N, C-alpha and C. Protein backbone atom coordinates (compact mmCIF):
# COMPACT_ATOMS: atom_id res chain seq x y z
N UNK A 1 0.84 -1.18 0.00
CA UNK A 1 0.00 0.00 0.00
C UNK A 1 0.89 1.25 0.00
N UNK A 2 0.52 2.22 -0.75
CA UNK A 2 1.27 3.48 -0.82
C UNK A 2 0.62 4.50 0.10
N UNK A 3 1.47 5.20 0.84
CA UNK A 3 0.99 6.21 1.78
C UNK A 3 1.51 7.57 1.35
N UNK A 4 0.64 8.56 1.22
CA UNK A 4 1.13 9.90 0.88
C UNK A 4 1.98 10.45 2.02
N UNK A 5 3.09 11.06 1.67
CA UNK A 5 3.99 11.59 2.69
C UNK A 5 4.82 12.70 2.05
N UNK A 6 5.03 13.76 2.81
CA UNK A 6 5.88 14.85 2.37
C UNK A 6 6.97 15.04 3.41
N UNK A 7 8.23 15.04 2.98
CA UNK A 7 9.34 15.29 3.88
C UNK A 7 10.13 16.48 3.36
N UNK A 8 10.35 17.45 4.23
CA UNK A 8 11.15 18.63 3.91
C UNK A 8 12.42 18.55 4.73
N UNK A 9 13.57 18.57 4.05
CA UNK A 9 14.87 18.50 4.72
C UNK A 9 15.54 19.86 4.71
N UNK A 10 16.16 20.21 5.82
CA UNK A 10 17.03 21.38 5.90
C UNK A 10 18.45 20.84 6.13
N UNK A 11 19.39 21.68 6.54
CA UNK A 11 20.75 21.22 6.72
C UNK A 11 20.86 20.09 7.75
N UNK A 12 20.29 20.28 8.93
CA UNK A 12 20.42 19.28 9.99
C UNK A 12 19.10 18.84 10.58
N UNK A 13 17.98 19.31 9.99
CA UNK A 13 16.66 18.99 10.52
C UNK A 13 15.71 18.64 9.38
N UNK A 14 14.53 18.21 9.75
CA UNK A 14 13.51 17.92 8.76
C UNK A 14 12.15 17.81 9.40
N UNK A 15 11.13 17.86 8.56
CA UNK A 15 9.75 17.64 9.01
C UNK A 15 9.08 16.72 8.00
N UNK A 16 8.35 15.75 8.53
CA UNK A 16 7.60 14.80 7.72
C UNK A 16 6.12 15.02 8.01
N UNK A 17 5.32 15.11 6.96
CA UNK A 17 3.87 15.26 7.09
C UNK A 17 3.25 14.03 6.45
N UNK A 18 2.39 13.33 7.22
CA UNK A 18 1.83 12.08 6.73
C UNK A 18 0.48 11.80 7.40
N UNK A 19 -0.32 10.91 6.81
CA UNK A 19 -1.57 10.53 7.45
C UNK A 19 -1.31 9.77 8.75
N UNK A 20 -2.25 9.87 9.66
CA UNK A 20 -2.14 9.20 10.95
C UNK A 20 -3.55 8.79 11.39
N UNK A 21 -3.63 8.03 12.47
CA UNK A 21 -4.91 7.60 13.01
C UNK A 21 -4.94 7.80 14.51
N UNK A 22 -6.11 8.16 15.01
CA UNK A 22 -6.32 8.24 16.45
C UNK A 22 -7.04 6.97 16.86
N UNK A 23 -6.44 6.26 17.82
CA UNK A 23 -7.03 5.01 18.31
C UNK A 23 -7.20 5.10 19.82
N UNK A 24 -8.41 4.89 20.29
CA UNK A 24 -8.70 4.85 21.72
C UNK A 24 -9.58 3.64 21.99
N UNK A 25 -9.33 2.99 23.13
CA UNK A 25 -10.12 1.83 23.48
C UNK A 25 -11.60 2.19 23.56
N UNK A 26 -12.43 1.37 22.94
CA UNK A 26 -13.87 1.55 23.00
C UNK A 26 -14.42 2.62 22.07
N UNK A 27 -13.56 3.30 21.32
CA UNK A 27 -14.03 4.33 20.40
C UNK A 27 -13.57 3.99 18.99
N UNK A 28 -14.33 4.45 17.99
CA UNK A 28 -13.91 4.17 16.61
C UNK A 28 -12.63 4.94 16.26
N UNK A 29 -11.85 4.37 15.35
CA UNK A 29 -10.63 5.03 14.87
C UNK A 29 -11.03 6.27 14.06
N UNK A 30 -10.16 7.28 14.07
CA UNK A 30 -10.42 8.51 13.33
C UNK A 30 -9.16 8.92 12.58
N UNK A 31 -9.34 9.56 11.44
CA UNK A 31 -8.22 10.04 10.66
C UNK A 31 -7.59 11.29 11.27
N UNK A 32 -6.27 11.39 11.14
CA UNK A 32 -5.51 12.53 11.64
C UNK A 32 -4.37 12.82 10.66
N UNK A 33 -3.68 13.94 10.87
CA UNK A 33 -2.51 14.30 10.09
C UNK A 33 -1.36 14.51 11.06
N UNK A 34 -0.23 13.84 10.84
CA UNK A 34 0.90 13.91 11.76
C UNK A 34 2.06 14.70 11.16
N UNK A 35 2.62 15.58 11.98
CA UNK A 35 3.86 16.28 11.68
C UNK A 35 4.93 15.65 12.55
N UNK A 36 6.01 15.17 11.95
CA UNK A 36 7.11 14.60 12.73
C UNK A 36 8.37 15.41 12.44
N UNK A 37 8.83 16.14 13.45
CA UNK A 37 10.04 16.94 13.32
C UNK A 37 11.21 16.13 13.84
N UNK A 38 12.35 16.20 13.15
CA UNK A 38 13.50 15.39 13.53
C UNK A 38 14.81 16.10 13.22
N UNK A 39 15.86 15.62 13.86
CA UNK A 39 17.22 16.07 13.56
C UNK A 39 17.89 14.94 12.77
N UNK A 40 18.77 15.30 11.85
CA UNK A 40 19.40 14.29 11.02
C UNK A 40 20.49 13.51 11.74
N UNK A 41 21.01 14.03 12.85
CA UNK A 41 22.00 13.28 13.64
C UNK A 41 21.31 12.05 14.24
N UNK A 42 21.98 10.92 14.19
CA UNK A 42 21.37 9.70 14.70
C UNK A 42 21.21 9.75 16.21
N UNK A 43 20.15 9.10 16.68
CA UNK A 43 19.91 9.01 18.12
C UNK A 43 19.21 10.21 18.72
N UNK A 44 18.92 11.22 17.92
CA UNK A 44 18.24 12.41 18.42
C UNK A 44 16.74 12.16 18.48
N UNK A 45 16.08 12.68 19.52
CA UNK A 45 14.63 12.46 19.62
C UNK A 45 13.87 13.27 18.57
N UNK A 46 12.71 12.78 18.20
CA UNK A 46 11.85 13.53 17.29
C UNK A 46 10.65 14.05 18.09
N UNK A 47 9.93 15.00 17.53
CA UNK A 47 8.74 15.55 18.17
C UNK A 47 7.58 15.42 17.19
N UNK A 48 6.49 14.80 17.66
CA UNK A 48 5.30 14.64 16.82
C UNK A 48 4.22 15.63 17.24
N UNK A 49 3.47 16.09 16.26
CA UNK A 49 2.33 16.96 16.46
C UNK A 49 1.23 16.37 15.61
N UNK A 50 0.19 15.83 16.22
CA UNK A 50 -0.89 15.18 15.49
C UNK A 50 -2.10 16.11 15.48
N UNK A 51 -2.54 16.46 14.27
CA UNK A 51 -3.61 17.42 14.08
C UNK A 51 -4.89 16.75 13.58
N UNK A 52 -6.02 17.28 14.00
CA UNK A 52 -7.29 16.86 13.42
C UNK A 52 -7.34 17.37 11.99
N UNK A 53 -8.13 16.73 11.12
CA UNK A 53 -8.17 17.17 9.72
C UNK A 53 -8.50 18.66 9.55
N UNK A 54 -9.45 19.17 10.31
CA UNK A 54 -9.79 20.59 10.15
C UNK A 54 -8.64 21.49 10.61
N UNK A 55 -7.85 21.03 11.58
CA UNK A 55 -6.69 21.80 12.04
C UNK A 55 -5.59 21.78 10.97
N UNK A 56 -5.39 20.63 10.33
CA UNK A 56 -4.41 20.54 9.24
C UNK A 56 -4.82 21.47 8.09
N UNK A 57 -6.11 21.55 7.83
CA UNK A 57 -6.59 22.46 6.80
C UNK A 57 -6.29 23.91 7.19
N UNK A 58 -6.46 24.24 8.46
CA UNK A 58 -6.16 25.59 8.94
C UNK A 58 -4.66 25.91 8.82
N UNK A 59 -3.80 24.92 9.08
CA UNK A 59 -2.36 25.13 8.90
C UNK A 59 -2.09 25.43 7.42
N UNK A 60 -2.73 24.69 6.52
CA UNK A 60 -2.59 24.93 5.09
C UNK A 60 -3.01 26.34 4.72
N UNK A 61 -4.14 26.75 5.23
CA UNK A 61 -4.66 28.08 4.94
C UNK A 61 -3.70 29.17 5.44
N UNK A 62 -3.15 28.97 6.64
CA UNK A 62 -2.23 29.94 7.23
C UNK A 62 -0.93 30.03 6.43
N UNK A 63 -0.42 28.89 5.96
CA UNK A 63 0.80 28.89 5.15
C UNK A 63 0.60 29.77 3.92
N UNK A 64 -0.52 29.59 3.22
CA UNK A 64 -0.81 30.38 2.02
C UNK A 64 -0.92 31.86 2.37
N UNK A 65 -1.60 32.15 3.46
CA UNK A 65 -1.77 33.53 3.89
C UNK A 65 -0.43 34.17 4.27
N UNK A 66 0.39 33.43 5.02
CA UNK A 66 1.69 33.96 5.46
C UNK A 66 2.65 34.17 4.29
N UNK A 67 2.59 33.30 3.31
CA UNK A 67 3.47 33.45 2.15
C UNK A 67 3.17 34.77 1.45
N UNK A 68 1.91 35.16 1.43
CA UNK A 68 1.52 36.39 0.75
C UNK A 68 1.78 37.64 1.59
N UNK A 69 1.59 37.55 2.92
CA UNK A 69 1.66 38.76 3.74
C UNK A 69 2.75 38.76 4.81
N UNK A 70 3.40 37.63 5.04
CA UNK A 70 4.42 37.54 6.09
C UNK A 70 3.80 37.30 7.45
N UNK A 71 4.64 37.02 8.43
CA UNK A 71 4.16 36.81 9.79
C UNK A 71 4.35 35.39 10.27
N UNK A 72 3.67 35.07 11.36
CA UNK A 72 3.84 33.78 12.01
C UNK A 72 2.50 33.32 12.58
N UNK A 73 2.24 32.02 12.49
CA UNK A 73 1.04 31.42 13.08
C UNK A 73 1.48 30.29 14.00
N UNK A 74 0.85 30.19 15.15
CA UNK A 74 1.17 29.15 16.13
C UNK A 74 -0.06 28.31 16.43
N UNK A 75 0.13 27.01 16.47
CA UNK A 75 -0.92 26.05 16.82
C UNK A 75 -0.44 25.32 18.08
N UNK A 76 -1.26 25.34 19.12
CA UNK A 76 -0.85 24.81 20.42
C UNK A 76 -1.70 23.61 20.82
N UNK A 77 -1.04 22.56 21.30
CA UNK A 77 -1.70 21.39 21.87
C UNK A 77 -1.24 21.22 23.31
N UNK A 78 -2.18 20.95 24.20
CA UNK A 78 -1.88 20.66 25.61
C UNK A 78 -2.30 19.22 25.89
N UNK A 79 -1.46 18.51 26.64
CA UNK A 79 -1.73 17.10 26.95
C UNK A 79 -1.41 16.84 28.41
N UNK A 80 -2.36 16.25 29.12
CA UNK A 80 -2.14 15.87 30.52
C UNK A 80 -1.70 14.42 30.58
N UNK A 81 -0.62 14.18 31.30
CA UNK A 81 -0.14 12.81 31.49
C UNK A 81 0.22 12.64 32.96
N UNK A 82 0.71 11.47 33.31
CA UNK A 82 1.11 11.19 34.69
C UNK A 82 2.25 12.12 35.12
N UNK A 83 3.08 12.56 34.15
CA UNK A 83 4.20 13.44 34.45
C UNK A 83 3.79 14.91 34.53
N UNK A 84 2.53 15.22 34.21
CA UNK A 84 2.07 16.60 34.22
C UNK A 84 1.65 17.05 32.84
N UNK A 85 1.46 18.36 32.70
CA UNK A 85 1.01 18.91 31.43
C UNK A 85 2.17 19.05 30.44
N UNK A 86 1.91 18.66 29.20
CA UNK A 86 2.88 18.81 28.13
C UNK A 86 2.27 19.76 27.09
N UNK A 87 3.01 20.80 26.74
CA UNK A 87 2.54 21.78 25.75
C UNK A 87 3.43 21.70 24.53
N UNK A 88 2.82 21.53 23.36
CA UNK A 88 3.54 21.48 22.10
C UNK A 88 3.04 22.60 21.21
N UNK A 89 3.97 23.36 20.63
CA UNK A 89 3.61 24.48 19.76
C UNK A 89 4.20 24.25 18.37
N UNK A 90 3.33 24.22 17.38
CA UNK A 90 3.73 24.14 15.97
C UNK A 90 3.65 25.54 15.39
N UNK A 91 4.72 26.00 14.75
CA UNK A 91 4.76 27.33 14.15
C UNK A 91 5.02 27.21 12.65
N UNK A 92 4.35 28.05 11.89
CA UNK A 92 4.66 28.24 10.47
C UNK A 92 4.90 29.74 10.30
N UNK A 93 5.95 30.09 9.58
CA UNK A 93 6.25 31.51 9.47
C UNK A 93 6.89 31.89 8.15
N UNK A 94 6.67 33.16 7.82
CA UNK A 94 7.31 33.81 6.69
C UNK A 94 8.05 35.00 7.28
N UNK A 95 9.36 35.08 7.05
CA UNK A 95 10.16 36.12 7.71
C UNK A 95 11.06 36.83 6.70
N UNK A 96 11.56 37.98 7.11
CA UNK A 96 12.47 38.78 6.30
C UNK A 96 13.76 38.95 7.10
N UNK A 97 14.90 38.50 6.56
CA UNK A 97 16.20 38.67 7.21
C UNK A 97 17.23 39.06 6.18
N UNK A 98 17.99 40.08 6.51
CA UNK A 98 19.05 40.57 5.62
C UNK A 98 18.54 40.82 4.19
N UNK A 99 17.32 41.34 4.10
CA UNK A 99 16.75 41.66 2.80
C UNK A 99 16.25 40.47 2.01
N UNK A 100 16.25 39.28 2.62
CA UNK A 100 15.78 38.08 1.92
C UNK A 100 14.55 37.51 2.62
N UNK A 101 13.63 36.99 1.82
CA UNK A 101 12.42 36.36 2.32
C UNK A 101 12.74 34.91 2.69
N UNK A 102 12.21 34.43 3.81
CA UNK A 102 12.42 33.05 4.23
C UNK A 102 11.15 32.45 4.79
N UNK A 103 11.12 31.13 4.85
CA UNK A 103 9.95 30.40 5.34
C UNK A 103 10.43 29.28 6.24
N UNK A 104 9.63 28.93 7.23
CA UNK A 104 10.06 27.87 8.14
C UNK A 104 8.88 27.23 8.85
N UNK A 105 9.12 25.99 9.23
CA UNK A 105 8.25 25.24 10.13
C UNK A 105 9.07 25.02 11.39
N UNK A 106 8.46 25.13 12.54
CA UNK A 106 9.18 24.84 13.78
C UNK A 106 8.24 24.25 14.80
N UNK A 107 8.83 23.58 15.77
CA UNK A 107 8.05 22.96 16.83
C UNK A 107 8.79 23.13 18.14
N UNK A 108 8.03 23.26 19.22
CA UNK A 108 8.63 23.41 20.54
C UNK A 108 7.80 22.62 21.55
N UNK A 109 8.50 21.84 22.35
CA UNK A 109 7.88 21.11 23.46
C UNK A 109 8.85 21.21 24.63
N UNK A 110 8.43 21.93 25.66
CA UNK A 110 9.32 22.16 26.79
C UNK A 110 10.55 22.90 26.35
N UNK A 111 11.72 22.38 26.71
CA UNK A 111 12.99 23.01 26.33
C UNK A 111 13.45 22.59 24.93
N UNK A 112 12.83 21.59 24.37
CA UNK A 112 13.22 21.04 23.07
C UNK A 112 12.54 21.80 21.93
N UNK A 113 13.32 22.20 20.91
CA UNK A 113 12.73 22.83 19.74
C UNK A 113 13.50 22.42 18.49
N UNK A 114 12.78 22.36 17.38
CA UNK A 114 13.37 22.01 16.09
C UNK A 114 12.84 22.99 15.06
N UNK A 115 13.74 23.60 14.30
CA UNK A 115 13.39 24.57 13.27
C UNK A 115 13.77 24.01 11.91
N UNK A 116 12.84 24.09 10.95
CA UNK A 116 13.10 23.57 9.61
C UNK A 116 12.83 24.67 8.59
N UNK A 117 13.88 25.37 8.12
CA UNK A 117 13.67 26.35 7.06
C UNK A 117 13.29 25.62 5.76
N UNK A 118 12.47 26.29 4.94
CA UNK A 118 12.02 25.66 3.70
C UNK A 118 12.03 26.68 2.57
N UNK A 119 12.37 26.25 1.36
CA UNK A 119 12.25 27.15 0.21
C UNK A 119 10.78 27.46 -0.04
N UNK A 120 10.52 28.56 -0.73
CA UNK A 120 9.15 28.98 -0.98
C UNK A 120 8.31 27.90 -1.65
N UNK A 121 8.87 27.21 -2.64
CA UNK A 121 8.12 26.16 -3.35
C UNK A 121 7.69 25.04 -2.42
N UNK A 122 8.58 24.58 -1.55
CA UNK A 122 8.24 23.51 -0.61
C UNK A 122 7.25 23.99 0.44
N UNK A 123 7.37 25.25 0.85
CA UNK A 123 6.44 25.84 1.81
C UNK A 123 5.02 25.83 1.24
N UNK A 124 4.89 26.28 -0.02
CA UNK A 124 3.58 26.31 -0.66
C UNK A 124 3.09 24.91 -1.02
N UNK A 125 4.00 24.02 -1.39
CA UNK A 125 3.60 22.64 -1.67
C UNK A 125 3.06 21.99 -0.40
N UNK A 126 3.68 22.27 0.74
CA UNK A 126 3.19 21.74 2.02
C UNK A 126 1.76 22.21 2.27
N UNK A 127 1.46 23.46 1.93
CA UNK A 127 0.10 23.97 2.09
C UNK A 127 -0.89 23.17 1.26
N UNK A 128 -0.54 22.93 0.01
CA UNK A 128 -1.43 22.16 -0.87
C UNK A 128 -1.54 20.71 -0.41
N UNK A 129 -0.43 20.12 -0.01
CA UNK A 129 -0.42 18.74 0.49
C UNK A 129 -1.32 18.62 1.72
N UNK A 130 -1.19 19.56 2.66
CA UNK A 130 -2.02 19.56 3.87
C UNK A 130 -3.50 19.75 3.53
N UNK A 131 -3.77 20.60 2.56
CA UNK A 131 -5.17 20.85 2.18
C UNK A 131 -5.81 19.56 1.69
N UNK A 132 -5.12 18.85 0.81
CA UNK A 132 -5.68 17.61 0.28
C UNK A 132 -5.68 16.48 1.32
N UNK A 133 -4.62 16.38 2.11
CA UNK A 133 -4.54 15.34 3.13
C UNK A 133 -5.60 15.55 4.21
N UNK A 134 -5.92 16.80 4.52
CA UNK A 134 -6.94 17.07 5.53
C UNK A 134 -8.30 16.52 5.11
N UNK A 135 -8.60 16.61 3.84
CA UNK A 135 -9.87 16.07 3.34
C UNK A 135 -9.82 14.54 3.33
N UNK A 136 -8.71 13.98 2.86
CA UNK A 136 -8.57 12.52 2.80
C UNK A 136 -8.61 11.88 4.19
N UNK A 137 -8.16 12.59 5.21
CA UNK A 137 -8.12 12.03 6.57
C UNK A 137 -9.37 12.37 7.39
N UNK A 138 -10.37 12.93 6.76
CA UNK A 138 -11.63 13.24 7.46
C UNK A 138 -12.53 12.01 7.44
N UNK A 139 -12.20 11.04 8.25
CA UNK A 139 -12.97 9.81 8.30
C UNK A 139 -13.04 9.28 9.73
N UNK A 140 -14.04 8.45 9.98
CA UNK A 140 -14.20 7.74 11.24
C UNK A 140 -14.57 6.31 10.89
N UNK A 141 -13.89 5.35 11.50
CA UNK A 141 -14.22 3.94 11.28
C UNK A 141 -15.55 3.65 11.97
N UNK A 142 -16.49 3.17 11.21
CA UNK A 142 -17.81 2.94 11.77
C UNK A 142 -18.36 1.66 11.17
N UNK A 143 -18.92 0.83 12.01
CA UNK A 143 -19.53 -0.39 11.53
C UNK A 143 -21.00 -0.35 11.86
N UNK A 144 -21.78 -0.93 11.00
CA UNK A 144 -23.24 -1.00 11.19
C UNK A 144 -23.54 -1.86 12.41
N UNK A 145 -24.35 -1.35 13.35
CA UNK A 145 -24.69 -2.19 14.50
C UNK A 145 -25.47 -3.43 14.02
N UNK A 146 -25.26 -4.51 14.71
CA UNK A 146 -25.95 -5.74 14.33
C UNK A 146 -27.44 -5.60 14.62
N UNK A 147 -28.23 -6.05 13.65
CA UNK A 147 -29.68 -6.02 13.84
C UNK A 147 -30.08 -7.14 14.78
N UNK A 148 -31.14 -6.93 15.56
CA UNK A 148 -31.60 -8.01 16.46
C UNK A 148 -32.01 -9.23 15.66
N UNK A 149 -31.71 -10.40 16.20
CA UNK A 149 -32.04 -11.65 15.48
C UNK A 149 -33.50 -11.96 15.68
N UNK A 150 -34.12 -12.45 14.59
CA UNK A 150 -35.54 -12.86 14.62
C UNK A 150 -35.63 -14.37 14.61
N UNK A 151 -36.59 -14.86 15.34
CA UNK A 151 -36.79 -16.32 15.39
C UNK A 151 -37.72 -16.78 14.33
């Protein structure tokens, strides 16, 4: 089976965007979109950010908007675990440095952060990829309840 996936590489970092699933006991599976940020050095931890399809669509929309007007958009997820609250921030930005336009994806969780600069074409392609993937991942596994048996 072929899985759609987009990977953007920078000098020492990268981000992978791919379909994902949410699985919880007793609940139907649901489609999601996963961002996996990583460092190219071996043994380095990666950071995942799993978005609902409508949130992935919003990231796509923001990328297109930022490419045209500049700025930064942040998407925040909070998660409670036995160790306490974990906050993950996904950023997409268009910036101006030394007279040159630049684009980047970045993620931060606690003290850990990974920044992935991207050329304009890959930045815009990610927007289109996310737009289409968000629609493709808008699903819920559902089975027809069994009808009562008749004698």
